[in-house]
Amino acid sequence: MLVANCLAQTEALMRGKSEAEAMRELAHLPGEQLDMLLPQKLFPGNQPSNTLALDEVSPRSVGMLLALYEHKVFVQGVIWGINSFDQWGWSTASNWRAAFCRSWPPATTRWRTTAPPTA
């Protein structure tokens, strides 16, 4: 059932739903409900997506997925003429991370560790 839902979502992104298809689906509704729901049922097709199926989740398969994603990001950067791995957002996130790490964990949490006893 889960795989069927996944593949149906992929097909929906590919095909979309036209007004005629939505009207057939909603034909049983009275006019006011139809007018309210019709815009919610319409969406364009030709929306790029990737669906990958793995035989198993293992360190090797996860590594291959990460490598695939990194290659995709690199190729998109080349096509769009940007350096995908040198963005201002990364620098900003690094600054926020540093501030977060300085304040974490809060002194009042029960997760605070204590130093081992000295002999």
N, C-alpha and C. Protein backbone atom coordinates (compact mmCIF):
# COMPACT_ATOMS: atom_id res chain seq x y z
N MET A 1 0.82 -1.19 0.00
CA MET A 1 0.00 0.00 0.00
C MET A 1 0.87 1.26 0.00
N LEU A 2 1.92 1.26 0.81
CA LEU A 2 2.80 2.41 0.89
C LEU A 2 3.50 2.65 -0.45
N VAL A 3 3.98 1.60 -1.08
CA VAL A 3 4.65 1.73 -2.37
C VAL A 3 3.66 2.23 -3.42
N ALA A 4 2.43 1.74 -3.39
CA ALA A 4 1.41 2.19 -4.34
C ALA A 4 1.15 3.69 -4.17
N ASN A 5 1.07 4.16 -2.92
CA ASN A 5 0.88 5.60 -2.68
C ASN A 5 2.05 6.41 -3.20
N CYS A 6 3.25 5.91 -2.99
CA CYS A 6 4.45 6.60 -3.45
C CYS A 6 4.44 6.74 -4.97
N LEU A 7 4.16 5.64 -5.66
CA LEU A 7 4.16 5.67 -7.13
C LEU A 7 3.00 6.52 -7.67
N ALA A 8 1.86 6.50 -6.98
CA ALA A 8 0.73 7.33 -7.41
C ALA A 8 1.07 8.81 -7.27
N GLN A 9 1.78 9.19 -6.20
CA GLN A 9 2.19 10.59 -6.03
C GLN A 9 3.15 11.00 -7.14
N THR A 10 4.06 10.13 -7.49
CA THR A 10 4.99 10.42 -8.58
C THR A 10 4.23 10.64 -9.89
N GLU A 11 3.26 9.79 -10.16
CA GLU A 11 2.47 9.94 -11.38
C GLU A 11 1.64 11.22 -11.35
N ALA A 12 1.09 11.56 -10.18
CA ALA A 12 0.31 12.80 -10.07
C ALA A 12 1.17 14.02 -10.37
N LEU A 13 2.39 14.04 -9.87
CA LEU A 13 3.29 15.15 -10.18
C LEU A 13 3.61 15.21 -11.67
N MET A 14 3.68 14.06 -12.30
CA MET A 14 3.98 14.01 -13.73
C MET A 14 2.77 14.47 -14.56
N ARG A 15 1.59 13.97 -14.23
CA ARG A 15 0.40 14.22 -15.05
C ARG A 15 -0.37 15.48 -14.67
N GLY A 16 -0.47 15.78 -13.38
CA GLY A 16 -1.30 16.88 -12.92
C GLY A 16 -2.77 16.51 -12.99
N LYS A 17 -3.63 17.51 -12.77
CA LYS A 17 -5.07 17.29 -12.87
C LYS A 17 -5.69 18.51 -13.53
N SER A 18 -6.37 18.26 -14.63
CA SER A 18 -7.01 19.34 -15.39
C SER A 18 -8.36 19.70 -14.77
N GLU A 19 -8.93 20.81 -15.22
CA GLU A 19 -10.24 21.22 -14.73
C GLU A 19 -11.30 20.20 -15.11
N ALA A 20 -11.21 19.65 -16.31
CA ALA A 20 -12.19 18.64 -16.75
C ALA A 20 -12.14 17.40 -15.85
N GLU A 21 -10.93 16.94 -15.50
CA GLU A 21 -10.80 15.78 -14.61
C GLU A 21 -11.37 16.08 -13.23
N ALA A 22 -11.07 17.26 -12.72
CA ALA A 22 -11.58 17.64 -11.40
C ALA A 22 -13.10 17.78 -11.42
N MET A 23 -13.65 18.32 -12.50
CA MET A 23 -15.11 18.47 -12.61
C MET A 23 -15.79 17.10 -12.60
N ARG A 24 -15.20 16.12 -13.29
CA ARG A 24 -15.78 14.77 -13.27
C ARG A 24 -15.75 14.19 -11.87
N GLU A 25 -14.68 14.45 -11.15
CA GLU A 25 -14.53 13.94 -9.80
C GLU A 25 -15.52 14.58 -8.82
N LEU A 26 -15.83 15.85 -9.06
CA LEU A 26 -16.67 16.61 -8.13
C LEU A 26 -18.10 16.80 -8.63
N ALA A 27 -18.48 16.09 -9.66
CA ALA A 27 -19.77 16.30 -10.31
C ALA A 27 -20.95 16.12 -9.36
N HIS A 28 -20.81 15.32 -8.33
CA HIS A 28 -21.91 15.03 -7.41
C HIS A 28 -22.17 16.16 -6.40
N LEU A 29 -21.29 17.15 -6.33
CA LEU A 29 -21.42 18.21 -5.34
C LEU A 29 -22.33 19.33 -5.82
N PRO A 30 -23.03 20.00 -4.88
CA PRO A 30 -23.82 21.17 -5.27
C PRO A 30 -22.90 22.33 -5.68
N GLY A 31 -23.43 23.30 -6.39
CA GLY A 31 -22.65 24.39 -6.99
C GLY A 31 -21.72 25.12 -6.06
N GLU A 32 -22.19 25.48 -4.86
CA GLU A 32 -21.36 26.25 -3.93
C GLU A 32 -20.15 25.44 -3.46
N GLN A 33 -20.37 24.18 -3.13
CA GLN A 33 -19.25 23.32 -2.71
C GLN A 33 -18.30 23.07 -3.88
N LEU A 34 -18.87 22.90 -5.06
CA LEU A 34 -18.04 22.70 -6.25
C LEU A 34 -17.14 23.90 -6.49
N ASP A 35 -17.71 25.10 -6.39
CA ASP A 35 -16.92 26.33 -6.60
C ASP A 35 -15.82 26.46 -5.56
N MET A 36 -16.09 26.00 -4.33
CA MET A 36 -15.10 26.10 -3.27
C MET A 36 -13.97 25.07 -3.45
N LEU A 37 -14.32 23.84 -3.85
CA LEU A 37 -13.34 22.77 -3.93
C LEU A 37 -12.58 22.70 -5.25
N LEU A 38 -13.17 23.17 -6.32
CA LEU A 38 -12.54 23.02 -7.63
C LEU A 38 -11.12 23.59 -7.69
N PRO A 39 -10.87 24.82 -7.20
CA PRO A 39 -9.49 25.32 -7.27
C PRO A 39 -8.49 24.48 -6.48
N GLN A 40 -8.97 23.80 -5.43
CA GLN A 40 -8.08 22.98 -4.60
C GLN A 40 -7.69 21.68 -5.29
N LYS A 41 -8.47 21.27 -6.26
CA LYS A 41 -8.23 20.00 -6.95
C LYS A 41 -7.37 20.15 -8.20
N LEU A 42 -7.10 21.36 -8.62
CA LEU A 42 -6.33 21.60 -9.85
C LEU A 42 -4.85 21.74 -9.52
N PHE A 43 -4.01 21.12 -10.33
CA PHE A 43 -2.57 21.34 -10.22
C PHE A 43 -1.91 20.95 -11.53
N PRO A 44 -0.86 21.67 -11.89
CA PRO A 44 -0.21 21.38 -13.16
C PRO A 44 0.61 20.11 -13.08
N GLY A 45 0.82 19.49 -14.21
CA GLY A 45 1.70 18.33 -14.29
C GLY A 45 3.10 18.81 -14.63
N ASN A 46 3.91 17.89 -15.10
CA ASN A 46 5.28 18.19 -15.51
C ASN A 46 6.09 18.80 -14.37
N GLN A 47 5.86 18.30 -13.15
CA GLN A 47 6.63 18.74 -11.98
C GLN A 47 7.74 17.73 -11.75
N PRO A 48 8.99 18.12 -11.91
CA PRO A 48 10.09 17.16 -11.77
C PRO A 48 10.13 16.53 -10.38
N SER A 49 10.37 15.25 -10.36
CA SER A 49 10.54 14.54 -9.09
C SER A 49 11.39 13.30 -9.35
N ASN A 50 11.95 12.78 -8.30
CA ASN A 50 12.73 11.54 -8.38
C ASN A 50 12.12 10.53 -7.43
N THR A 51 11.98 9.30 -7.90
CA THR A 51 11.53 8.22 -7.04
C THR A 51 12.57 7.11 -7.15
N LEU A 52 13.18 6.80 -6.04
CA LEU A 52 14.21 5.77 -6.01
C LEU A 52 13.75 4.63 -5.14
N ALA A 53 13.99 3.41 -5.57
CA ALA A 53 13.64 2.23 -4.79
C ALA A 53 14.92 1.49 -4.43
N LEU A 54 15.06 1.14 -3.18
CA LEU A 54 16.23 0.42 -2.70
C LEU A 54 15.83 -0.97 -2.24
N ASP A 55 16.69 -1.93 -2.49
CA ASP A 55 16.45 -3.28 -1.99
C ASP A 55 16.60 -3.33 -0.48
N GLU A 56 17.54 -2.54 0.05
CA GLU A 56 17.76 -2.50 1.49
C GLU A 56 18.39 -1.17 1.87
N VAL A 57 18.24 -0.79 3.11
CA VAL A 57 18.90 0.40 3.63
C VAL A 57 20.16 -0.08 4.33
N SER A 58 21.28 0.25 3.73
CA SER A 58 22.56 -0.16 4.28
C SER A 58 23.51 1.02 4.19
N PRO A 59 24.64 0.97 4.85
CA PRO A 59 25.61 2.06 4.71
C PRO A 59 25.97 2.33 3.25
N ARG A 60 26.11 1.28 2.47
CA ARG A 60 26.45 1.45 1.05
C ARG A 60 25.33 2.16 0.29
N SER A 61 24.08 1.74 0.49
CA SER A 61 22.98 2.35 -0.26
C SER A 61 22.76 3.81 0.17
N VAL A 62 22.89 4.09 1.47
CA VAL A 62 22.76 5.47 1.94
C VAL A 62 23.89 6.32 1.38
N GLY A 63 25.10 5.78 1.35
CA GLY A 63 26.22 6.50 0.75
C GLY A 63 26.00 6.80 -0.72
N MET A 64 25.43 5.82 -1.43
CA MET A 64 25.14 6.04 -2.85
C MET A 64 24.08 7.14 -3.02
N LEU A 65 23.07 7.16 -2.16
CA LEU A 65 22.06 8.22 -2.23
C LEU A 65 22.67 9.59 -1.98
N LEU A 66 23.55 9.68 -0.98
CA LEU A 66 24.21 10.96 -0.70
C LEU A 66 25.08 11.40 -1.87
N ALA A 67 25.80 10.46 -2.46
CA ALA A 67 26.64 10.79 -3.61
C ALA A 67 25.79 11.24 -4.79
N LEU A 68 24.66 10.58 -5.00
CA LEU A 68 23.75 10.97 -6.08
C LEU A 68 23.23 12.38 -5.86
N TYR A 69 22.81 12.68 -4.64
CA TYR A 69 22.30 14.02 -4.33
C TYR A 69 23.39 15.07 -4.52
N GLU A 70 24.59 14.80 -4.02
CA GLU A 70 25.69 15.75 -4.17
C GLU A 70 26.00 16.00 -5.64
N HIS A 71 25.99 14.94 -6.45
CA HIS A 71 26.25 15.10 -7.88
C HIS A 71 25.15 15.92 -8.54
N LYS A 72 23.90 15.67 -8.15
CA LYS A 72 22.77 16.43 -8.69
C LYS A 72 22.94 17.92 -8.38
N VAL A 73 23.30 18.23 -7.14
CA VAL A 73 23.50 19.64 -6.74
C VAL A 73 24.64 20.26 -7.54
N PHE A 74 25.72 19.51 -7.73
CA PHE A 74 26.85 20.01 -8.51
C PHE A 74 26.44 20.31 -9.95
N VAL A 75 25.75 19.37 -10.58
CA VAL A 75 25.34 19.55 -11.98
C VAL A 75 24.39 20.73 -12.12
N GLN A 76 23.44 20.87 -11.20
CA GLN A 76 22.54 22.03 -11.24
C GLN A 76 23.33 23.33 -11.13
N GLY A 77 24.32 23.35 -10.24
CA GLY A 77 25.15 24.54 -10.09
C GLY A 77 25.89 24.88 -11.38
N VAL A 78 26.40 23.87 -12.05
CA VAL A 78 27.10 24.09 -13.32
C VAL A 78 26.13 24.66 -14.36
N ILE A 79 24.94 24.08 -14.43
CA ILE A 79 23.95 24.55 -15.41
C ILE A 79 23.53 25.99 -15.12
N TRP A 80 23.33 26.30 -13.84
CA TRP A 80 22.86 27.64 -13.48
C TRP A 80 24.01 28.64 -13.31
N GLY A 81 25.24 28.18 -13.42
CA GLY A 81 26.39 29.07 -13.34
C GLY A 81 26.67 29.56 -11.92
N ILE A 82 26.45 28.72 -10.92
CA ILE A 82 26.76 29.08 -9.54
C ILE A 82 27.63 28.00 -8.92
N ASN A 83 28.36 28.37 -7.88
CA ASN A 83 29.14 27.40 -7.13
C ASN A 83 28.25 26.87 -6.02
N SER A 84 27.69 25.71 -6.20
CA SER A 84 26.71 25.15 -5.27
C SER A 84 27.27 24.89 -3.88
N PHE A 85 28.59 24.82 -3.76
CA PHE A 85 29.17 24.47 -2.47
C PHE A 85 29.85 25.66 -1.80
N ASP A 86 29.56 26.88 -2.26
CA ASP A 86 30.13 28.08 -1.66
C ASP A 86 29.05 29.15 -1.63
N GLN A 87 28.05 28.95 -0.80
CA GLN A 87 26.92 29.87 -0.74
C GLN A 87 26.94 30.67 0.56
N TRP A 88 26.38 31.87 0.49
CA TRP A 88 26.33 32.74 1.66
C TRP A 88 25.51 32.11 2.78
N GLY A 89 24.49 31.37 2.44
CA GLY A 89 23.66 30.74 3.46
C GLY A 89 24.44 29.78 4.33
N TRP A 90 25.43 29.13 3.76
CA TRP A 90 26.25 28.21 4.53
C TRP A 90 27.03 28.96 5.60
N SER A 91 27.58 30.11 5.23
CA SER A 91 28.34 30.93 6.18
C SER A 91 27.42 31.43 7.30
N THR A 92 26.24 31.87 6.94
CA THR A 92 25.29 32.35 7.94
C THR A 92 24.91 31.22 8.89
N ALA A 93 24.61 30.04 8.34
CA ALA A 93 24.25 28.90 9.18
C ALA A 93 25.40 28.51 10.09
N SER A 94 26.62 28.62 9.61
CA SER A 94 27.78 28.29 10.45
C SER A 94 27.88 29.24 11.64
N ASN A 95 27.62 30.53 11.42
CA ASN A 95 27.63 31.49 12.52
C ASN A 95 26.54 31.18 13.53
N TRP A 96 25.34 30.86 13.05
CA TRP A 96 24.24 30.51 13.95
C TRP A 96 24.56 29.24 14.72
N ARG A 97 25.18 28.27 14.04
CA ARG A 97 25.54 27.03 14.70
C ARG A 97 26.52 27.30 15.83
N ALA A 98 27.50 28.15 15.59
CA ALA A 98 28.50 28.46 16.61
C ALA A 98 27.83 29.11 17.82
N ALA A 99 26.91 30.04 17.59
CA ALA A 99 26.20 30.69 18.70
C ALA A 99 25.35 29.67 19.46
N PHE A 100 24.71 28.78 18.72
CA PHE A 100 23.89 27.75 19.34
C PHE A 100 24.73 26.83 20.21
N CYS A 101 25.87 26.41 19.70
CA CYS A 101 26.74 25.50 20.45
C CYS A 101 27.27 26.14 21.72
N ARG A 102 27.51 27.47 21.68
CA ARG A 102 27.99 28.15 22.88
C ARG A 102 26.92 28.17 23.97
N SER A 103 25.65 28.19 23.58
CA SER A 103 24.58 28.29 24.57
C SER A 103 23.91 26.94 24.86
N TRP A 104 24.41 25.87 24.29
CA TRP A 104 23.76 24.58 24.49
C TRP A 104 24.70 23.62 25.20
N PRO A 105 24.31 22.80 26.10
CA PRO A 105 22.96 22.75 26.64
C PRO A 105 22.76 23.86 27.65
N PRO A 106 21.52 24.32 27.82
CA PRO A 106 21.26 25.36 28.82
C PRO A 106 21.67 24.86 30.21
N ALA A 107 22.13 25.76 31.03
CA ALA A 107 22.64 25.39 32.35
C ALA A 107 21.57 24.76 33.23
N THR A 108 20.31 25.00 32.92
CA THR A 108 19.24 24.50 33.77
C THR A 108 18.73 23.13 33.35
N THR A 109 19.26 22.54 32.30
CA THR A 109 18.70 21.27 31.86
C THR A 109 19.23 20.11 32.70
N ARG A 110 18.46 19.07 32.75
CA ARG A 110 18.90 17.88 33.47
C ARG A 110 19.89 17.08 32.66
N TRP A 111 20.14 17.48 31.41
CA TRP A 111 21.04 16.74 30.53
C TRP A 111 22.50 17.16 30.73
N ARG A 112 22.71 18.14 31.58
CA ARG A 112 24.07 18.63 31.81
C ARG A 112 24.93 17.50 32.35
N THR A 113 26.11 17.38 31.81
CA THR A 113 27.01 16.33 32.29
C THR A 113 27.87 16.89 33.42
N THR A 114 28.35 16.02 34.24
CA THR A 114 29.25 16.43 35.31
C THR A 114 30.61 15.86 35.06
N ALA A 115 31.59 16.52 35.56
CA ALA A 115 32.97 16.05 35.38
C ALA A 115 33.17 14.81 36.24
N PRO A 116 34.00 13.87 35.78
CA PRO A 116 34.25 12.68 36.60
C PRO A 116 34.97 13.06 37.89
N PRO A 117 34.74 12.31 38.94
CA PRO A 117 35.42 12.64 40.22
C PRO A 117 36.93 12.54 40.07
N THR A 118 37.60 13.43 40.75
CA THR A 118 39.07 13.41 40.70
C THR A 118 39.59 12.60 41.88
N ALA A 119 40.69 11.92 41.68
CA ALA A 119 41.22 11.06 42.74
C ALA A 119 42.30 11.76 43.51
